[in-house]
Amino acid sequence: MSLSHRYADIKSQKISPEGKPKIQLQLVLYDNVNLTFQFVQPDGPVSQIEARNQVKEYLLELLPRFKRQTNPELEEKNRILSENPGLLRLYKVSSI
């Protein structure tokens, strides 16, 4: 199985808290899709944590290079529309 996503599609990453039985890394994409990867090296939890941390550090290094540039005016517009359902309906009707 092969899975591929562009770095520019990745919004953030999260790791499982220390002490959890599953060693995981979650990627949050800009389209609100969450991808969870579980590390299952046969050597046990120590090598699973090391592998996860290597991936995490690699992504921390690469993601800033591909970070999407956000438009502050568009973000403000989205915030206002999401806080006011009536205005959002009016906006949707007027954009048809």
C-alpha atoms as a PDB file:
ATOM      1  CA  MET A   1       0.000   0.000   0.000  1.00  0.00           C
ATOM      2  CA  SER A   2       1.243   3.444  -0.837  1.00  0.00           C
ATOM      3  CA  LEU A   3       0.014   6.740   0.565  1.00  0.00           C
ATOM      4  CA  SER A   4       1.092  10.096  -0.764  1.00  0.00           C
ATOM      5  CA  HIS A   5       0.250  13.686   0.199  1.00  0.00           C
ATOM      6  CA  ARG A   6       1.923  16.926  -0.739  1.00  0.00           C
ATOM      7  CA  TYR A   7       3.758  18.696   2.078  1.00  0.00           C
ATOM      8  CA  ALA A   8       1.763  21.832   1.248  1.00  0.00           C
ATOM      9  CA  ASP A   9      -1.445  19.946   2.151  1.00  0.00           C
ATOM     10  CA  ILE A  10      -0.289  19.272   5.720  1.00  0.00           C
ATOM     11  CA  LYS A  11      -1.560  21.812   8.235  1.00  0.00           C
ATOM     12  CA  SER A  12      -0.078  20.313  11.404  1.00  0.00           C
ATOM     13  CA  GLN A  13       1.070  17.156  13.113  1.00  0.00           C
ATOM     14  CA  LYS A  14       0.303  15.644  16.504  1.00  0.00           C
ATOM     15  CA  ILE A  15       1.923  12.814  18.412  1.00  0.00           C
ATOM     16  CA  SER A  16       0.464  10.420  20.939  1.00  0.00           C
ATOM     17  CA  PRO A  17       1.144  11.386  24.572  1.00  0.00           C
ATOM     18  CA  GLU A  18       3.882   9.637  26.527  1.00  0.00           C
ATOM     19  CA  GLY A  19       2.707   6.471  28.244  1.00  0.00           C
ATOM     20  CA  LYS A  20       0.029   5.598  25.684  1.00  0.00           C
ATOM     21  CA  PRO A  21       0.135   1.978  24.503  1.00  0.00           C
ATOM     22  CA  LYS A  22      -0.026   2.971  20.812  1.00  0.00           C
ATOM     23  CA  ILE A  23       2.823   5.041  19.375  1.00  0.00           C
ATOM     24  CA  GLN A  24       1.145   7.288  16.814  1.00  0.00           C
ATOM     25  CA  LEU A  25       1.635  10.367  14.681  1.00  0.00           C
ATOM     26  CA  GLN A  26      -1.354  12.212  13.263  1.00  0.00           C
ATOM     27  CA  LEU A  27      -1.272  14.551  10.284  1.00  0.00           C
ATOM     28  CA  VAL A  28      -3.991  17.190   9.967  1.00  0.00           C
ATOM     29  CA  LEU A  29      -4.550  18.366   6.416  1.00  0.00           C
ATOM     30  CA  TYR A  30      -5.963  21.718   5.357  1.00  0.00           C
ATOM     31  CA  ASP A  31      -9.149  20.014   4.154  1.00  0.00           C
ATOM     32  CA  ASN A  32      -9.685  18.776   7.765  1.00  0.00           C
ATOM     33  CA  VAL A  33      -8.759  15.177   6.929  1.00  0.00           C
ATOM     34  CA  ASN A  34      -6.806  13.476   9.724  1.00  0.00           C
ATOM     35  CA  LEU A  35      -4.314  10.715   8.917  1.00  0.00           C
ATOM     36  CA  THR A  36      -3.073   8.595  11.810  1.00  0.00           C
ATOM     37  CA  PHE A  37       0.061   6.474  11.538  1.00  0.00           C
ATOM     38  CA  GLN A  38       0.807   3.821  14.129  1.00  0.00           C
ATOM     39  CA  PHE A  39       4.409   2.700  14.610  1.00  0.00           C
ATOM     40  CA  VAL A  40       4.687  -1.060  15.154  1.00  0.00           C
ATOM     41  CA  GLN A  41       8.382  -1.971  14.964  1.00  0.00           C
ATOM     42  CA  PRO A  42       8.867  -5.487  16.393  1.00  0.00           C
ATOM     43  CA  ASP A  43      11.714  -4.235  18.635  1.00  0.00           C
ATOM     44  CA  GLY A  44       9.155  -2.692  20.981  1.00  0.00           C
ATOM     45  CA  PRO A  45       8.067   0.708  22.267  1.00  0.00           C
ATOM     46  CA  VAL A  46      11.532   2.272  22.476  1.00  0.00           C
ATOM     47  CA  SER A  47      12.252   1.741  18.776  1.00  0.00           C
ATOM     48  CA  GLN A  48       8.663   2.762  17.909  1.00  0.00           C
ATOM     49  CA  ILE A  49       9.103   6.069  19.740  1.00  0.00           C
ATOM     50  CA  GLU A  50      12.476   6.625  18.046  1.00  0.00           C
ATOM     51  CA  ALA A  51      10.957   5.997  14.595  1.00  0.00           C
ATOM     52  CA  ARG A  52       8.015   8.288  15.317  1.00  0.00           C
ATOM     53  CA  ASN A  53      10.300  11.038  16.580  1.00  0.00           C
ATOM     54  CA  GLN A  54      12.485  10.757  13.467  1.00  0.00           C
ATOM     55  CA  VAL A  55       9.431  11.246  11.258  1.00  0.00           C
ATOM     56  CA  LYS A  56       8.201  14.114  13.465  1.00  0.00           C
ATOM     57  CA  GLU A  57      11.570  15.905  13.318  1.00  0.00           C
ATOM     58  CA  TYR A  58      11.815  15.399   9.560  1.00  0.00           C
ATOM     59  CA  LEU A  59       8.372  16.940   9.092  1.00  0.00           C
ATOM     60  CA  LEU A  60       9.235  19.809  11.449  1.00  0.00           C
ATOM     61  CA  GLU A  61      12.170  20.574   9.201  1.00  0.00           C
ATOM     62  CA  LEU A  62      10.279  20.291   5.906  1.00  0.00           C
ATOM     63  CA  LEU A  63       6.812  21.679   6.586  1.00  0.00           C
ATOM     64  CA  PRO A  64       7.816  25.352   7.018  1.00  0.00           C
ATOM     65  CA  ARG A  65       9.239  25.308   3.484  1.00  0.00           C
ATOM     66  CA  PHE A  66       5.839  24.321   2.087  1.00  0.00           C
ATOM     67  CA  LYS A  67       3.569  26.249   4.453  1.00  0.00           C
ATOM     68  CA  ARG A  68       0.618  27.847   2.721  1.00  0.00           C
ATOM     69  CA  GLN A  69       0.512  31.594   2.745  1.00  0.00           C
ATOM     70  CA  THR A  70      -2.768  32.703   4.258  1.00  0.00           C
ATOM     71  CA  ASN A  71      -4.696  35.778   3.267  1.00  0.00           C
ATOM     72  CA  PRO A  72      -5.662  37.697   6.459  1.00  0.00           C
ATOM     73  CA  GLU A  73      -8.651  39.317   4.729  1.00  0.00           C
ATOM     74  CA  LEU A  74      -9.980  35.921   3.615  1.00  0.00           C
ATOM     75  CA  GLU A  75      -9.493  34.504   7.123  1.00  0.00           C
ATOM     76  CA  GLU A  76     -11.456  37.429   8.590  1.00  0.00           C
ATOM     77  CA  LYS A  77     -14.246  36.913   6.050  1.00  0.00           C
ATOM     78  CA  ASN A  78     -14.414  33.196   6.921  1.00  0.00           C
ATOM     79  CA  ARG A  79     -14.498  33.978  10.638  1.00  0.00           C
ATOM     80  CA  ILE A  80     -17.348  36.495  10.259  1.00  0.00           C
ATOM     81  CA  LEU A  81     -19.387  34.141   8.066  1.00  0.00           C
ATOM     82  CA  SER A  82     -18.877  31.169  10.396  1.00  0.00           C
ATOM     83  CA  GLU A  83     -20.020  33.225  13.411  1.00  0.00           C
ATOM     84  CA  ASN A  84     -23.184  34.496  11.695  1.00  0.00           C
ATOM     85  CA  PRO A  85     -25.372  31.776  10.069  1.00  0.00           C
ATOM     86  CA  GLY A  86     -27.825  34.318   8.626  1.00  0.00           C
ATOM     87  CA  LEU A  87     -25.056  36.242   6.937  1.00  0.00           C
ATOM     88  CA  LEU A  88     -23.594  32.972   5.633  1.00  0.00           C
ATOM     89  CA  ARG A  89     -26.950  31.989   4.045  1.00  0.00           C
ATOM     90  CA  LEU A  90     -27.224  35.436   2.466  1.00  0.00           C
ATOM     91  CA  TYR A  91     -23.653  35.161   1.166  1.00  0.00           C
ATOM     92  CA  LYS A  92     -24.339  31.714  -0.350  1.00  0.00           C
ATOM     93  CA  VAL A  93     -27.535  32.930  -2.045  1.00  0.00           C
ATOM     94  CA  SER A  94     -25.870  36.038  -3.441  1.00  0.00           C
ATOM     95  CA  SER A  95     -22.922  34.081  -4.858  1.00  0.00           C
ATOM     96  CA  ILE A  96     -25.108  31.768  -6.968  1.00  0.00           C
END
